[in-house]
Amino acid sequence: MEKKSIFDHATWGTLDGFLRHLPRTVRLVVWGDASRSVEEREAIRLGEKLAERYTIVNFERRDRLPNYRYYPVMAVMLEGEDGVVDDGVRFIGLPAGYQINSLVGAIQAVSFRASNLEARTRILLSRLPGEATADLEVFTSATDEEGPLVATLAAGLAVASPRVRAFLIAADVFPEAVIRYSIRTLPHTVIDGRVHLQGVTDEEGMVRQIARAVQTARPKKEPGAEEPAA
């Protein structure tokens, strides 16, 4: 029996308008094991279907990583002339509902090299103090209409600066992460585990908060990663 399509005709039509004419090839990488969970199986299937439909999208599955708590993990990377460029854009969980718009926004940010960011934003990013990096954890849900705005901005900032990474987290799938940060409304952004932003924030406001966070930076670990066993 043929598997049911992951999207209906209308959704594919909408995606076609955004993904058929990307200027640069992107690679979707999924860390996961189809035999471990439905979400991992569907994330792999999503990557395969997007690569099958769009020549500008390639797909790669990688094995689960040690000491990592949440799966699936999906990355959007650029396929450059000199190899794959990893801008640090990650999805934690299977995108669904409005989160599909976040995935499309991240793909566009990587392919267009965040060309939609204002020039002032790029200047502010280049002036971040010290040498520290900043992790943006953006919590959204399948029903969060404003989530894609914040998620796309976070992905663009990660593309624009090697000192920024973006983790787009499915809050409705991983409630323990929501509880850890005492999140009550979505979208919600956490910078380096300390600076919290509720709702939609503009480019300048986000960069200002990133600068505030890196001034008191601490050693990083991947969001969702567990401390190695002693």
Protein backbone atom coordinates (compact mmCIF):
# COMPACT_ATOMS: atom_id res chain seq x y z
CA MET A 1 0.00 0.00 0.00
CA GLU A 2 1.32 3.46 -0.92
CA LYS A 3 2.15 5.66 2.04
CA LYS A 4 -0.06 8.65 2.67
CA SER A 5 1.49 11.93 1.53
CA ILE A 6 2.99 13.96 4.37
CA PHE A 7 1.36 17.12 2.94
CA ASP A 8 -1.86 17.74 1.10
CA HIS A 9 -1.98 19.26 -2.39
CA ALA A 10 -2.53 22.81 -1.11
CA THR A 11 0.46 22.63 1.24
CA TRP A 12 2.76 21.33 -1.49
CA GLY A 13 1.54 24.15 -3.74
CA THR A 14 2.44 26.71 -1.09
CA LEU A 15 5.86 25.15 -0.56
CA ASP A 16 6.50 25.17 -4.31
CA GLY A 17 6.18 28.94 -4.35
CA PHE A 18 8.93 29.27 -1.72
CA LEU A 19 11.32 26.42 -2.53
CA ARG A 20 11.38 25.94 -6.30
CA HIS A 21 13.52 28.99 -6.99
CA LEU A 22 16.11 29.07 -4.23
CA PRO A 23 19.43 30.58 -5.39
CA ARG A 24 21.72 28.09 -3.60
CA THR A 25 21.45 24.41 -2.79
CA VAL A 26 20.74 23.46 0.81
CA ARG A 27 21.23 20.16 2.60
CA LEU A 28 18.77 18.89 5.20
CA VAL A 29 20.51 16.67 7.73
CA VAL A 30 18.48 14.59 10.16
CA TRP A 31 20.03 12.88 13.17
CA GLY A 32 17.73 10.05 14.13
CA ASP A 33 16.78 6.40 13.88
CA ALA A 34 13.52 5.48 12.14
CA SER A 35 13.19 2.41 14.33
CA ARG A 36 13.31 4.42 17.58
CA SER A 37 10.27 6.70 17.27
CA VAL A 38 7.50 7.82 14.93
CA GLU A 39 8.85 11.38 15.05
CA GLU A 40 12.29 10.32 13.89
CA ARG A 41 10.82 8.19 11.10
CA GLU A 42 8.65 11.07 9.90
CA ALA A 43 11.51 13.59 10.07
CA ILE A 44 13.59 11.31 7.83
CA ARG A 45 10.64 10.88 5.51
CA LEU A 46 10.12 14.66 5.40
CA GLY A 47 13.74 15.22 4.39
CA GLU A 48 13.54 12.53 1.71
CA LYS A 49 10.32 13.94 0.26
CA LEU A 50 11.63 17.50 0.11
CA ALA A 51 14.81 16.34 -1.62
CA GLU A 52 12.76 14.23 -4.03
CA ARG A 53 10.52 17.15 -4.99
CA TYR A 54 13.06 19.99 -5.11
CA THR A 55 16.37 19.70 -6.95
CA ILE A 56 17.76 22.56 -4.87
CA VAL A 57 17.33 20.50 -1.67
CA ASN A 58 19.50 17.49 -0.75
CA PHE A 59 19.03 15.14 2.17
CA GLU A 60 21.34 13.24 4.52
CA ARG A 61 20.52 11.04 7.51
CA ARG A 62 23.05 10.70 10.30
CA ASP A 63 23.13 8.39 13.30
CA ARG A 64 22.03 9.54 16.72
CA LEU A 65 24.64 11.43 18.71
CA PRO A 66 25.79 10.30 22.17
CA ASN A 67 24.61 12.22 25.25
CA TYR A 68 21.72 13.85 23.42
CA ARG A 69 18.26 13.94 24.94
CA TYR A 70 15.79 15.08 22.28
CA TYR A 71 15.18 13.63 18.80
CA PRO A 72 14.82 14.08 15.92
CA VAL A 73 17.35 16.84 15.25
CA MET A 74 17.29 18.50 11.84
CA ALA A 75 19.91 20.88 10.45
CA VAL A 76 19.70 23.19 7.45
CA MET A 77 23.12 23.60 5.82
CA LEU A 78 24.47 25.24 2.67
CA GLU A 79 26.11 23.20 -0.05
CA GLY A 80 28.90 25.50 -1.19
CA GLU A 81 31.54 25.09 -3.86
CA ASP A 82 34.09 24.13 -1.22
CA GLY A 83 31.84 21.76 0.69
CA VAL A 84 28.97 21.91 3.15
CA VAL A 85 28.67 25.05 5.29
CA ASP A 86 27.06 24.54 8.70
CA ASP A 87 25.61 27.84 9.95
CA GLY A 88 24.39 26.31 13.20
CA VAL A 89 20.67 26.21 12.30
CA ARG A 90 18.89 23.33 14.07
CA PHE A 91 15.34 22.07 14.56
CA ILE A 92 14.73 20.02 17.68
CA GLY A 93 11.65 17.88 17.07
CA LEU A 94 9.48 17.17 14.04
CA PRO A 95 8.19 20.41 12.41
CA ALA A 96 4.39 20.48 12.20
CA GLY A 97 1.69 23.07 11.60
CA TYR A 98 3.10 26.58 11.64
CA GLN A 99 6.55 25.14 12.33
CA ILE A 100 6.66 24.10 8.68
CA ASN A 101 6.75 27.83 7.93
CA SER A 102 9.72 28.08 10.30
CA LEU A 103 11.48 25.33 8.36
CA VAL A 104 10.81 27.13 5.07
CA GLY A 105 12.09 30.38 6.59
CA ALA A 106 15.28 28.67 7.76
CA ILE A 107 15.84 27.10 4.34
CA GLN A 108 15.39 30.49 2.70
CA ALA A 109 17.71 32.17 5.21
CA VAL A 110 20.46 29.64 4.45
CA SER A 111 19.98 29.65 0.67
CA PHE A 112 19.71 33.45 0.37
CA ARG A 113 22.47 33.92 2.98
CA ALA A 114 20.14 36.00 5.16
CA SER A 115 19.99 38.73 2.54
CA ASN A 116 16.75 40.01 4.08
CA LEU A 117 18.53 41.22 7.24
CA GLU A 118 19.08 44.94 7.52
CA ALA A 119 22.59 46.27 6.97
CA ARG A 120 22.54 47.75 10.48
CA THR A 121 21.85 44.30 11.92
CA ARG A 122 24.93 42.86 10.23
CA ILE A 123 27.03 45.74 11.53
CA LEU A 124 25.79 45.20 15.09
CA LEU A 125 26.53 41.47 14.83
CA SER A 126 30.08 42.23 13.69
CA ARG A 127 30.54 44.39 16.80
CA LEU A 128 29.56 41.81 19.39
CA PRO A 129 31.91 42.18 22.36
CA GLY A 130 34.64 39.65 23.07
CA GLU A 131 34.94 36.30 21.34
CA ALA A 132 31.97 34.50 22.91
CA THR A 133 29.19 32.88 20.91
CA ALA A 134 25.44 33.03 21.52
CA ASP A 135 22.87 30.22 21.37
CA LEU A 136 19.30 31.21 20.54
CA GLU A 137 16.69 28.68 21.67
CA VAL A 138 13.37 29.58 20.06
CA PHE A 139 10.37 27.72 21.47
CA THR A 140 7.31 27.47 19.24
CA SER A 141 4.40 25.08 18.70
CA ALA A 142 2.41 23.76 15.77
CA THR A 143 -0.35 26.28 16.56
CA ASP A 144 1.91 29.27 17.25
CA GLU A 145 1.25 31.68 14.36
CA GLU A 146 3.98 34.14 15.36
CA GLY A 147 6.61 31.44 15.87
CA PRO A 148 7.86 31.47 12.25
CA LEU A 149 8.68 35.19 12.50
CA VAL A 150 11.04 34.65 15.41
CA ALA A 151 12.39 31.34 14.11
CA THR A 152 13.21 32.80 10.69
CA LEU A 153 14.95 35.79 12.30
CA ALA A 154 17.01 33.50 14.54
CA ALA A 155 18.04 31.38 11.55
CA GLY A 156 19.01 34.51 9.63
CA LEU A 157 21.15 35.77 12.51
CA ALA A 158 22.93 32.40 12.66
CA VAL A 159 23.64 32.59 8.93
CA ALA A 160 24.86 36.18 9.19
CA SER A 161 27.25 35.58 12.10
CA PRO A 162 29.49 32.59 12.90
CA ARG A 163 29.10 33.56 16.56
CA VAL A 164 25.36 32.84 16.66
CA ARG A 165 23.60 29.46 16.60
CA ALA A 166 19.83 28.96 16.32
CA PHE A 167 17.92 26.05 17.90
CA LEU A 168 14.23 25.97 16.95
CA ILE A 169 12.53 23.78 19.53
CA ALA A 170 9.08 22.17 19.34
CA ALA A 171 7.71 23.17 22.72
CA ASP A 172 4.59 21.02 22.34
CA VAL A 173 6.73 17.90 21.85
CA PHE A 174 9.28 18.52 24.63
CA PRO A 175 7.33 19.92 27.62
CA GLU A 176 10.23 19.19 29.98
CA ALA A 177 12.27 21.88 28.21
CA VAL A 178 9.38 24.31 28.64
CA ILE A 179 9.15 23.50 32.34
CA ARG A 180 12.89 23.95 32.78
CA TYR A 181 12.67 27.54 31.55
CA SER A 182 9.23 28.25 33.11
CA ILE A 183 7.84 29.23 29.70
CA ARG A 184 4.19 30.28 29.74
CA THR A 185 3.63 31.92 26.36
CA LEU A 186 4.90 31.27 22.82
CA PRO A 187 6.97 32.15 20.95
CA HIS A 188 9.65 32.38 23.59
CA THR A 189 13.38 32.92 23.00
CA VAL A 190 16.12 32.03 25.45
CA ILE A 191 19.62 33.38 24.79
CA ASP A 192 22.42 31.36 26.35
CA GLY A 193 20.03 29.93 28.92
CA ARG A 194 19.77 33.29 30.73
CA VAL A 195 18.15 36.07 28.72
CA HIS A 196 14.43 35.51 28.03
CA LEU A 197 12.37 37.24 25.34
CA GLN A 198 8.63 36.74 25.01
CA GLY A 199 6.78 37.21 21.74
CA VAL A 200 8.14 38.74 18.55
CA THR A 201 11.32 40.81 18.78
CA ASP A 202 12.69 42.96 15.96
CA GLU A 203 16.22 42.57 14.57
CA GLU A 204 17.80 45.39 16.54
CA GLY A 205 16.19 44.28 19.79
CA MET A 206 17.34 40.70 19.30
CA VAL A 207 20.92 41.69 18.56
CA ARG A 208 20.94 44.01 21.57
CA GLN A 209 19.92 41.11 23.81
CA ILE A 210 22.51 38.83 22.18
CA ALA A 211 25.20 41.39 22.99
CA ARG A 212 23.97 41.52 26.56
CA ALA A 213 24.18 37.73 26.83
CA VAL A 214 27.69 37.33 25.40
CA GLN A 215 29.09 39.87 27.84
CA THR A 216 28.60 37.31 30.59
CA ALA A 217 29.06 34.18 28.49
CA ARG A 218 29.74 30.77 29.98
CA PRO A 219 30.94 27.47 28.42
CA LYS A 220 28.49 26.02 25.88
CA LYS A 221 26.87 22.65 25.41
CA GLU A 222 24.31 21.66 22.82
CA PRO A 223 20.72 22.46 23.85
CA GLY A 224 19.14 19.12 24.66
CA ALA A 225 22.49 17.51 25.46
CA GLU A 226 23.04 15.75 28.73
CA GLU A 227 26.18 15.97 30.77
CA PRO A 228 28.50 12.99 30.08
CA ALA A 229 28.32 10.26 32.68
CA ALA A 230 31.08 10.39 35.26
